[in-house]
């Protein structure tokens, strides 16, 4: 019997407890390393810790959060360097846009509650991948599938779950999030995992597959998994794992960092700064 894989979540704070967890890592484990980018003082430690994890030969996935635009251009540039360090060492990376995460809360939410919400969103993404591997269904997606899928296309991952029964609105709007990659439909590889309740018929199953394949027409469909949800009604739970998508920023040498996808973000940042100066002058 194959050994059941282990899932490990490690934050940038290496406590004694986390050190003992790292010692337990084996080749067929799945390890997530979470990091919030932007602090220059943490760059060297990030490299050292990721390399230590890399030596364990487990499947290593980075969870990287970019800073808010109001934290300044310099902090974003530091985060960019750290992002590419993580991407280079890890097998794959899932990145979160903090300004997108901000859209999930009210502006009057306390800092404490906001951080708890953001952490919960990242945690949910981690557990989505675990659930995908652990669920037993008609067609299973196992650890080896995930490992092969990731290692064929090293880079950013898009991982998201949607639920519904009719999907009347365009699937792209249902699947998209403000905090995950926007170009997920341009991915090169795709895994689909479909859960269905008791009353879902074959016509509904056919239609949802047609729509998904149309939405991801550019992607190589690596595998479609399916499993039964023992509940009444007609409802789908669809989990999508996409890779082969672009980085959110362009990697260049030295400090000359180009940010084609974040041009609009920097325009907003500049406007924010200019408005602040005007307010001070007045």
C-alpha atoms as a PDB file:
ATOM      1  CA  UNK A   1       0.000   0.000   0.000  1.00  0.00           C
ATOM      2  CA  UNK A   2       1.305   3.458  -0.885  1.00  0.00           C
ATOM      3  CA  UNK A   3       2.071   5.794   1.950  1.00  0.00           C
ATOM      4  CA  UNK A   4      -0.522   8.531   2.464  1.00  0.00           C
ATOM      5  CA  UNK A   5       1.082  11.857   1.622  1.00  0.00           C
ATOM      6  CA  UNK A   6       1.477  14.477   4.305  1.00  0.00           C
ATOM      7  CA  UNK A   7       0.524  18.126   3.972  1.00  0.00           C
ATOM      8  CA  UNK A   8       2.652  20.687   5.805  1.00  0.00           C
ATOM      9  CA  UNK A   9       2.067  24.444   6.112  1.00  0.00           C
ATOM     10  CA  UNK A  10       5.032  26.559   7.121  1.00  0.00           C
ATOM     11  CA  UNK A  11       5.111  30.321   7.616  1.00  0.00           C
ATOM     12  CA  UNK A  12       8.199  32.506   7.419  1.00  0.00           C
ATOM     13  CA  UNK A  13       8.489  32.304  11.229  1.00  0.00           C
ATOM     14  CA  UNK A  14      10.565  29.155  11.855  1.00  0.00           C
ATOM     15  CA  UNK A  15       9.714  28.229  15.433  1.00  0.00           C
ATOM     16  CA  UNK A  16      11.144  25.136  17.136  1.00  0.00           C
ATOM     17  CA  UNK A  17       7.878  23.357  16.404  1.00  0.00           C
ATOM     18  CA  UNK A  18       8.166  24.162  12.701  1.00  0.00           C
ATOM     19  CA  UNK A  19      11.776  22.940  12.701  1.00  0.00           C
ATOM     20  CA  UNK A  20      10.567  19.570  13.962  1.00  0.00           C
ATOM     21  CA  UNK A  21       7.949  19.491  11.200  1.00  0.00           C
ATOM     22  CA  UNK A  22      10.619  20.119   8.593  1.00  0.00           C
ATOM     23  CA  UNK A  23      12.625  17.206   9.975  1.00  0.00           C
ATOM     24  CA  UNK A  24       9.619  14.950   9.334  1.00  0.00           C
ATOM     25  CA  UNK A  25       9.208  15.903   5.680  1.00  0.00           C
ATOM     26  CA  UNK A  26       9.528  13.029   3.245  1.00  0.00           C
ATOM     27  CA  UNK A  27       9.793  12.810  -0.515  1.00  0.00           C
ATOM     28  CA  UNK A  28       6.056  12.275  -1.096  1.00  0.00           C
ATOM     29  CA  UNK A  29       4.841  15.105   1.095  1.00  0.00           C
ATOM     30  CA  UNK A  30       3.264  18.354   0.020  1.00  0.00           C
ATOM     31  CA  UNK A  31       4.768  21.409   1.704  1.00  0.00           C
ATOM     32  CA  UNK A  32       3.398  24.954   1.506  1.00  0.00           C
ATOM     33  CA  UNK A  33       5.594  27.887   2.510  1.00  0.00           C
ATOM     34  CA  UNK A  34       3.750  31.172   3.134  1.00  0.00           C
ATOM     35  CA  UNK A  35       5.444  34.543   2.816  1.00  0.00           C
ATOM     36  CA  UNK A  36       4.354  38.189   2.695  1.00  0.00           C
ATOM     37  CA  UNK A  37       6.747  40.136   0.497  1.00  0.00           C
ATOM     38  CA  UNK A  38       8.185  43.608   0.957  1.00  0.00           C
ATOM     39  CA  UNK A  39      10.638  43.570   3.884  1.00  0.00           C
ATOM     40  CA  UNK A  40      14.241  43.856   2.655  1.00  0.00           C
ATOM     41  CA  UNK A  41      15.584  42.382   5.899  1.00  0.00           C
ATOM     42  CA  UNK A  42      13.811  39.075   5.193  1.00  0.00           C
ATOM     43  CA  UNK A  43      15.208  38.383   1.713  1.00  0.00           C
ATOM     44  CA  UNK A  44      18.318  36.465   2.811  1.00  0.00           C
ATOM     45  CA  UNK A  45      16.358  34.421   5.352  1.00  0.00           C
ATOM     46  CA  UNK A  46      13.729  33.584   2.738  1.00  0.00           C
ATOM     47  CA  UNK A  47      16.401  32.131   0.469  1.00  0.00           C
ATOM     48  CA  UNK A  48      18.001  30.125   3.267  1.00  0.00           C
ATOM     49  CA  UNK A  49      14.742  28.652   4.526  1.00  0.00           C
ATOM     50  CA  UNK A  50      13.430  27.719   1.107  1.00  0.00           C
ATOM     51  CA  UNK A  51      16.709  25.993   0.231  1.00  0.00           C
ATOM     52  CA  UNK A  52      16.483  24.024   3.476  1.00  0.00           C
ATOM     53  CA  UNK A  53      13.006  22.878   2.521  1.00  0.00           C
ATOM     54  CA  UNK A  54      14.132  22.124  -1.024  1.00  0.00           C
ATOM     55  CA  UNK A  55      16.698  19.640   0.295  1.00  0.00           C
ATOM     56  CA  UNK A  56      13.864  17.497   1.693  1.00  0.00           C
ATOM     57  CA  UNK A  57      12.760  16.654  -1.883  1.00  0.00           C
ATOM     58  CA  UNK A  58       9.059  17.023  -1.048  1.00  0.00           C
ATOM     59  CA  UNK A  59       6.752  18.903  -3.412  1.00  0.00           C
ATOM     60  CA  UNK A  60       7.279  22.535  -2.395  1.00  0.00           C
ATOM     61  CA  UNK A  61       4.670  25.187  -3.201  1.00  0.00           C
ATOM     62  CA  UNK A  62       5.182  28.828  -2.282  1.00  0.00           C
ATOM     63  CA  UNK A  63       2.274  30.995  -1.134  1.00  0.00           C
ATOM     64  CA  UNK A  64       3.346  34.557  -1.862  1.00  0.00           C
ATOM     65  CA  UNK A  65       1.445  37.751  -0.988  1.00  0.00           C
ATOM     66  CA  UNK A  66       2.349  41.032  -2.676  1.00  0.00           C
ATOM     67  CA  UNK A  67       2.142  44.187  -0.505  1.00  0.00           C
ATOM     68  CA  UNK A  68      -0.558  46.836  -0.794  1.00  0.00           C
ATOM     69  CA  UNK A  69       0.042  49.626  -3.304  1.00  0.00           C
ATOM     70  CA  UNK A  70      -0.238  52.213  -0.505  1.00  0.00           C
ATOM     71  CA  UNK A  71       2.880  50.700   1.091  1.00  0.00           C
ATOM     72  CA  UNK A  72       5.030  52.291  -1.616  1.00  0.00           C
ATOM     73  CA  UNK A  73       6.978  51.498  -4.767  1.00  0.00           C
ATOM     74  CA  UNK A  74      10.190  50.469  -2.970  1.00  0.00           C
ATOM     75  CA  UNK A  75       8.417  47.831  -0.927  1.00  0.00           C
ATOM     76  CA  UNK A  76       6.795  46.463  -4.070  1.00  0.00           C
ATOM     77  CA  UNK A  77      10.182  46.241  -5.803  1.00  0.00           C
ATOM     78  CA  UNK A  78      11.571  44.296  -2.843  1.00  0.00           C
ATOM     79  CA  UNK A  79       8.575  41.967  -2.995  1.00  0.00           C
ATOM     80  CA  UNK A  80       9.213  41.427  -6.698  1.00  0.00           C
ATOM     81  CA  UNK A  81      12.757  40.198  -5.988  1.00  0.00           C
ATOM     82  CA  UNK A  82      11.461  37.928  -3.247  1.00  0.00           C
ATOM     83  CA  UNK A  83       8.757  36.558  -5.525  1.00  0.00           C
ATOM     84  CA  UNK A  84      11.310  35.411  -8.087  1.00  0.00           C
ATOM     85  CA  UNK A  85      13.497  33.895  -5.380  1.00  0.00           C
ATOM     86  CA  UNK A  86      10.512  31.849  -4.249  1.00  0.00           C
ATOM     87  CA  UNK A  87       9.549  30.923  -7.798  1.00  0.00           C
ATOM     88  CA  UNK A  88      13.082  29.783  -8.599  1.00  0.00           C
ATOM     89  CA  UNK A  89      13.400  27.501  -5.570  1.00  0.00           C
ATOM     90  CA  UNK A  90       9.855  26.151  -5.237  1.00  0.00           C
ATOM     91  CA  UNK A  91       8.173  23.675  -7.583  1.00  0.00           C
ATOM     92  CA  UNK A  92       5.291  26.106  -8.003  1.00  0.00           C
ATOM     93  CA  UNK A  93       3.996  29.360  -6.583  1.00  0.00           C
ATOM     94  CA  UNK A  94       0.530  30.717  -5.844  1.00  0.00           C
ATOM     95  CA  UNK A  95       0.533  34.497  -5.556  1.00  0.00           C
ATOM     96  CA  UNK A  96      -2.038  36.783  -3.956  1.00  0.00           C
ATOM     97  CA  UNK A  97      -2.594  40.460  -4.717  1.00  0.00           C
ATOM     98  CA  UNK A  98      -3.146  42.333  -1.430  1.00  0.00           C
ATOM     99  CA  UNK A  99      -5.194  45.047  -3.125  1.00  0.00           C
ATOM    100  CA  UNK A 100      -7.428  42.277  -4.460  1.00  0.00           C
ATOM    101  CA  UNK A 101      -7.687  40.780  -0.982  1.00  0.00           C
ATOM    102  CA  UNK A 102      -8.788  44.212   0.224  1.00  0.00           C
ATOM    103  CA  UNK A 103     -11.855  43.899  -2.010  1.00  0.00           C
ATOM    104  CA  UNK A 104     -13.097  41.020   0.151  1.00  0.00           C
ATOM    105  CA  UNK A 105     -13.582  43.227   3.234  1.00  0.00           C
ATOM    106  CA  UNK A 106     -15.245  46.482   4.221  1.00  0.00           C
ATOM    107  CA  UNK A 107     -12.976  49.529   4.495  1.00  0.00           C
ATOM    108  CA  UNK A 108     -13.950  49.868   8.189  1.00  0.00           C
ATOM    109  CA  UNK A 109     -12.796  46.346   9.022  1.00  0.00           C
ATOM    110  CA  UNK A 110     -10.180  46.334  11.784  1.00  0.00           C
ATOM    111  CA  UNK A 111      -6.590  45.493  10.867  1.00  0.00           C
ATOM    112  CA  UNK A 112      -6.782  42.393  13.048  1.00  0.00           C
ATOM    113  CA  UNK A 113      -9.953  41.092  11.357  1.00  0.00           C
ATOM    114  CA  UNK A 114      -8.608  41.943   7.907  1.00  0.00           C
ATOM    115  CA  UNK A 115      -5.452  39.899   8.508  1.00  0.00           C
ATOM    116  CA  UNK A 116      -7.509  36.970   9.770  1.00  0.00           C
ATOM    117  CA  UNK A 117      -9.652  37.133   6.627  1.00  0.00           C
ATOM    118  CA  UNK A 118      -6.647  37.272   4.306  1.00  0.00           C
ATOM    119  CA  UNK A 119      -4.987  34.365   6.107  1.00  0.00           C
ATOM    120  CA  UNK A 120      -8.206  32.354   5.880  1.00  0.00           C
ATOM    121  CA  UNK A 121      -8.369  32.877   2.111  1.00  0.00           C
ATOM    122  CA  UNK A 122      -4.814  31.574   1.747  1.00  0.00           C
ATOM    123  CA  UNK A 123      -5.575  28.663   4.058  1.00  0.00           C
ATOM    124  CA  UNK A 124      -8.639  27.781   1.989  1.00  0.00           C
ATOM    125  CA  UNK A 125      -6.506  27.605  -1.134  1.00  0.00           C
ATOM    126  CA  UNK A 126      -4.071  25.244   0.582  1.00  0.00           C
ATOM    127  CA  UNK A 127      -6.847  22.970   1.812  1.00  0.00           C
ATOM    128  CA  UNK A 128      -8.509  22.981  -1.609  1.00  0.00           C
ATOM    129  CA  UNK A 129      -5.482  21.210  -3.047  1.00  0.00           C
ATOM    130  CA  UNK A 130      -5.404  18.786  -0.140  1.00  0.00           C
ATOM    131  CA  UNK A 131      -9.100  17.977  -0.611  1.00  0.00           C
ATOM    132  CA  UNK A 132      -8.579  17.469  -4.332  1.00  0.00           C
ATOM    133  CA  UNK A 133      -5.998  14.775  -3.633  1.00  0.00           C
ATOM    134  CA  UNK A 134      -7.768  13.142  -0.685  1.00  0.00           C
ATOM    135  CA  UNK A 135     -11.294  12.864  -2.131  1.00  0.00           C
ATOM    136  CA  UNK A 136     -12.279   9.422  -3.373  1.00  0.00           C
ATOM    137  CA  UNK A 137     -14.426   9.388  -6.489  1.00  0.00           C
ATOM    138  CA  UNK A 138     -15.103   7.693  -9.796  1.00  0.00           C
ATOM    139  CA  UNK A 139     -11.973   9.311 -11.235  1.00  0.00           C
ATOM    140  CA  UNK A 140      -9.408  10.268  -8.598  1.00  0.00           C
ATOM    141  CA  UNK A 141      -6.739  12.944  -8.742  1.00  0.00           C
ATOM    142  CA  UNK A 142      -3.799  11.695  -6.711  1.00  0.00           C
ATOM    143  CA  UNK A 143      -0.466  13.020  -5.480  1.00  0.00           C
ATOM    144  CA  UNK A 144       1.379  11.739  -8.554  1.00  0.00           C
ATOM    145  CA  UNK A 145      -1.040  13.607 -10.824  1.00  0.00           C
ATOM    146  CA  UNK A 146      -0.365  16.865  -8.978  1.00  0.00           C
ATOM    147  CA  UNK A 147       3.380  16.281  -8.948  1.00  0.00           C
ATOM    148  CA  UNK A 148       3.537  15.538 -12.687  1.00  0.00           C
ATOM    149  CA  UNK A 149       1.203  18.424 -13.506  1.00  0.00           C
ATOM    150  CA  UNK A 150       3.280  20.940 -11.559  1.00  0.00           C
ATOM    151  CA  UNK A 151       6.686  19.777 -12.733  1.00  0.00           C
ATOM    152  CA  UNK A 152       5.690  19.923 -16.400  1.00  0.00           C
ATOM    153  CA  UNK A 153       5.030  23.664 -16.155  1.00  0.00           C
ATOM    154  CA  UNK A 154       7.044  25.291 -13.370  1.00  0.00           C
ATOM    155  CA  UNK A 155       5.638  28.663 -12.326  1.00  0.00           C
ATOM    156  CA  UNK A 156       2.469  30.292 -10.996  1.00  0.00           C
ATOM    157  CA  UNK A 157      -0.624  28.238 -10.203  1.00  0.00           C
ATOM    158  CA  UNK A 158      -4.269  29.269 -10.210  1.00  0.00           C
ATOM    159  CA  UNK A 159      -6.378  27.204  -7.798  1.00  0.00           C
ATOM    160  CA  UNK A 160     -10.015  27.972  -7.113  1.00  0.00           C
ATOM    161  CA  UNK A 161     -13.351  26.278  -6.344  1.00  0.00           C
ATOM    162  CA  UNK A 162     -16.822  27.427  -7.384  1.00  0.00           C
ATOM    163  CA  UNK A 163     -20.217  26.014  -6.470  1.00  0.00           C
ATOM    164  CA  UNK A 164     -23.595  26.338  -8.161  1.00  0.00           C
ATOM    165  CA  UNK A 165     -26.375  24.558  -9.987  1.00  0.00           C
ATOM    166  CA  UNK A 166     -27.206  26.567 -13.089  1.00  0.00           C
ATOM    167  CA  UNK A 167     -24.176  28.769 -13.802  1.00  0.00           C
ATOM    168  CA  UNK A 168     -26.373  31.224 -15.722  1.00  0.00           C
ATOM    169  CA  UNK A 169     -23.717  33.923 -15.790  1.00  0.00           C
ATOM    170  CA  UNK A 170     -20.485  33.485 -17.782  1.00  0.00           C
ATOM    171  CA  UNK A 171     -18.173  30.980 -16.099  1.00  0.00           C
ATOM    172  CA  UNK A 172     -15.230  33.354 -16.288  1.00  0.00           C
ATOM    173  CA  UNK A 173     -16.992  35.799 -13.959  1.00  0.00           C
ATOM    174  CA  UNK A 174     -17.879  33.025 -11.522  1.00  0.00           C
ATOM    175  CA  UNK A 175     -14.345  31.664 -11.437  1.00  0.00           C
ATOM    176  CA  UNK A 176     -12.377  34.923 -11.383  1.00  0.00           C
ATOM    177  CA  UNK A 177     -11.267  36.465  -8.098  1.00  0.00           C
ATOM    178  CA  UNK A 178      -9.799  39.906  -7.356  1.00  0.00           C
ATOM    179  CA  UNK A 179      -6.799  38.408  -5.543  1.00  0.00           C
ATOM    180  CA  UNK A 180      -5.680  35.530  -7.819  1.00  0.00           C
ATOM    181  CA  UNK A 181      -4.212  35.734 -11.370  1.00  0.00           C
ATOM    182  CA  UNK A 182      -6.492  37.429 -13.890  1.00  0.00           C
ATOM    183  CA  UNK A 183      -5.141  35.526 -16.900  1.00  0.00           C
ATOM    184  CA  UNK A 184      -6.099  32.059 -15.613  1.00  0.00           C
ATOM    185  CA  UNK A 185      -7.973  31.216 -18.835  1.00  0.00           C
ATOM    186  CA  UNK A 186      -4.680  31.558 -20.764  1.00  0.00           C
ATOM    187  CA  UNK A 187      -3.053  28.715 -18.823  1.00  0.00           C
ATOM    188  CA  UNK A 188      -1.256  25.933 -20.662  1.00  0.00           C
ATOM    189  CA  UNK A 189      -2.412  23.058 -18.444  1.00  0.00           C
ATOM    190  CA  UNK A 190      -5.668  22.362 -16.629  1.00  0.00           C
ATOM    191  CA  UNK A 191      -6.995  19.915 -14.045  1.00  0.00           C
ATOM    192  CA  UNK A 192     -10.739  19.913 -13.400  1.00  0.00           C
ATOM    193  CA  UNK A 193     -12.291  18.173 -10.397  1.00  0.00           C
ATOM    194  CA  UNK A 194     -16.086  17.990 -10.478  1.00  0.00           C
ATOM    195  CA  UNK A 195     -18.291  17.069  -7.540  1.00  0.00           C
ATOM    196  CA  UNK A 196     -22.010  16.486  -8.149  1.00  0.00           C
ATOM    197  CA  UNK A 197     -25.079  15.863  -5.956  1.00  0.00           C
ATOM    198  CA  UNK A 198     -27.755  13.187  -6.350  1.00  0.00           C
ATOM    199  CA  UNK A 199     -30.005  14.826  -8.926  1.00  0.00           C
ATOM    200  CA  UNK A 200     -27.401  16.026 -11.429  1.00  0.00           C
ATOM    201  CA  UNK A 201     -28.187  14.382 -14.785  1.00  0.00           C
ATOM    202  CA  UNK A 202     -25.874  13.562 -17.668  1.00  0.00           C
ATOM    203  CA  UNK A 203     -27.092  16.501 -19.761  1.00  0.00           C
ATOM    204  CA  UNK A 204     -26.095  18.946 -17.010  1.00  0.00           C
ATOM    205  CA  UNK A 205     -22.747  17.161 -16.702  1.00  0.00           C
ATOM    206  CA  UNK A 206     -22.223  17.414 -20.468  1.00  0.00           C
ATOM    207  CA  UNK A 207     -23.072  21.110 -20.548  1.00  0.00           C
ATOM    208  CA  UNK A 208     -20.736  22.059 -17.724  1.00  0.00           C
ATOM    209  CA  UNK A 209     -17.869  20.166 -19.364  1.00  0.00           C
ATOM    210  CA  UNK A 210     -18.520  21.862 -22.695  1.00  0.00           C
ATOM    211  CA  UNK A 211     -18.474  25.294 -21.060  1.00  0.00           C
ATOM    212  CA  UNK A 212     -15.303  24.570 -19.133  1.00  0.00           C
ATOM    213  CA  UNK A 213     -13.507  23.279 -22.214  1.00  0.00           C
ATOM    214  CA  UNK A 214     -14.643  26.310 -24.181  1.00  0.00           C
ATOM    215  CA  UNK A 215     -13.431  28.685 -21.453  1.00  0.00           C
ATOM    216  CA  UNK A 216     -10.029  26.968 -21.284  1.00  0.00           C
ATOM    217  CA  UNK A 217      -9.668  26.366 -25.011  1.00  0.00           C
ATOM    218  CA  UNK A 218      -5.921  27.184 -24.918  1.00  0.00           C
ATOM    219  CA  UNK A 219      -5.110  24.680 -22.187  1.00  0.00           C
ATOM    220  CA  UNK A 220      -4.033  21.073 -22.398  1.00  0.00           C
ATOM    221  CA  UNK A 221      -6.620  19.190 -20.323  1.00  0.00           C
ATOM    222  CA  UNK A 222      -4.352  17.148 -18.061  1.00  0.00           C
ATOM    223  CA  UNK A 223      -7.090  15.314 -16.161  1.00  0.00           C
ATOM    224  CA  UNK A 224     -10.780  15.497 -15.217  1.00  0.00           C
ATOM    225  CA  UNK A 225     -11.681  14.055 -11.838  1.00  0.00           C
ATOM    226  CA  UNK A 226     -15.212  13.426 -10.593  1.00  0.00           C
ATOM    227  CA  UNK A 227     -16.778  12.484  -7.277  1.00  0.00           C
ATOM    228  CA  UNK A 228     -20.277  12.046  -5.814  1.00  0.00           C
ATOM    229  CA  UNK A 229     -21.644  14.374  -3.113  1.00  0.00           C
ATOM    230  CA  UNK A 230     -24.322  12.471  -1.206  1.00  0.00           C
ATOM    231  CA  UNK A 231     -26.785  15.347  -0.865  1.00  0.00           C
ATOM    232  CA  UNK A 232     -30.168  16.005  -2.507  1.00  0.00           C
ATOM    233  CA  UNK A 233     -30.628  18.479  -5.353  1.00  0.00           C
ATOM    234  CA  UNK A 234     -28.736  19.446  -8.457  1.00  0.00           C
ATOM    235  CA  UNK A 235     -25.482  21.113  -7.546  1.00  0.00           C
ATOM    236  CA  UNK A 236     -21.883  21.157  -8.761  1.00  0.00           C
ATOM    237  CA  UNK A 237     -18.638  21.829  -6.942  1.00  0.00           C
ATOM    238  CA  UNK A 238     -15.903  22.557  -9.468  1.00  0.00           C
ATOM    239  CA  UNK A 239     -12.238  22.909  -8.558  1.00  0.00           C
ATOM    240  CA  UNK A 240      -9.803  24.202 -11.162  1.00  0.00           C
ATOM    241  CA  UNK A 241      -6.035  23.901 -11.058  1.00  0.00           C
ATOM    242  CA  UNK A 242      -4.296  25.861 -13.820  1.00  0.00           C
ATOM    243  CA  UNK A 243      -0.627  26.360 -14.593  1.00  0.00           C
ATOM    244  CA  UNK A 244       1.479  27.701 -17.433  1.00  0.00           C
ATOM    245  CA  UNK A 245       0.252  31.228 -16.714  1.00  0.00           C
ATOM    246  CA  UNK A 246       2.471  34.309 -16.705  1.00  0.00           C
ATOM    247  CA  UNK A 247       4.148  35.913 -13.734  1.00  0.00           C
ATOM    248  CA  UNK A 248       2.379  39.061 -12.488  1.00  0.00           C
ATOM    249  CA  UNK A 249       5.582  41.056 -13.059  1.00  0.00           C
ATOM    250  CA  UNK A 250       8.571  40.788 -15.349  1.00  0.00           C
ATOM    251  CA  UNK A 251      11.896  39.672 -13.943  1.00  0.00           C
ATOM    252  CA  UNK A 252      14.812  41.871 -15.000  1.00  0.00           C
ATOM    253  CA  UNK A 253      18.394  42.277 -13.774  1.00  0.00           C
ATOM    254  CA  UNK A 254      19.261  44.536 -10.862  1.00  0.00           C
ATOM    255  CA  UNK A 255      16.757  47.069  -9.613  1.00  0.00           C
ATOM    256  CA  UNK A 256      15.352  47.869 -13.036  1.00  0.00           C
ATOM    257  CA  UNK A 257      12.068  46.050 -12.530  1.00  0.00           C
ATOM    258  CA  UNK A 258       9.437  46.343 -15.217  1.00  0.00           C
ATOM    259  CA  UNK A 259       5.833  45.763 -14.223  1.00  0.00           C
ATOM    260  CA  UNK A 260       3.676  45.461 -17.361  1.00  0.00           C
ATOM    261  CA  UNK A 261       0.714  43.881 -15.630  1.00  0.00           C
ATOM    262  CA  UNK A 262       0.851  46.348 -12.748  1.00  0.00           C
ATOM    263  CA  UNK A 263       1.021  49.555 -14.794  1.00  0.00           C
ATOM    264  CA  UNK A 264      -2.490  50.416 -13.739  1.00  0.00           C
ATOM    265  CA  UNK A 265      -1.587  49.667 -10.113  1.00  0.00           C
ATOM    266  CA  UNK A 266       1.326  52.099 -10.257  1.00  0.00           C
ATOM    267  CA  UNK A 267      -0.811  54.752 -11.922  1.00  0.00           C
ATOM    268  CA  UNK A 268      -3.208  54.462  -8.989  1.00  0.00           C
ATOM    269  CA  UNK A 269      -0.281  54.546  -6.566  1.00  0.00           C
ATOM    270  CA  UNK A 270       1.078  57.722  -8.187  1.00  0.00           C
ATOM    271  CA  UNK A 271      -2.357  59.331  -8.140  1.00  0.00           C
ATOM    272  CA  UNK A 272      -2.734  58.347  -4.489  1.00  0.00           C
ATOM    273  CA  UNK A 273       0.638  59.963  -3.699  1.00  0.00           C
ATOM    274  CA  UNK A 274      -0.111  63.142  -5.664  1.00  0.00           C
ATOM    275  CA  UNK A 275      -3.489  63.568  -3.969  1.00  0.00           C
ATOM    276  CA  UNK A 276      -1.819  63.147  -0.586  1.00  0.00           C
ATOM    277  CA  UNK A 277       0.673  65.905  -1.407  1.00  0.00           C
ATOM    278  CA  UNK A 278      -2.099  68.221  -2.559  1.00  0.00           C
ATOM    279  CA  UNK A 279      -3.974  67.636   0.686  1.00  0.00           C
ATOM    280  CA  UNK A 280      -0.849  68.455   2.676  1.00  0.00           C
ATOM    281  CA  UNK A 281      -0.250  71.630   0.664  1.00  0.00           C
ATOM    282  CA  UNK A 282      -3.772  72.789   1.289  1.00  0.00           C
END
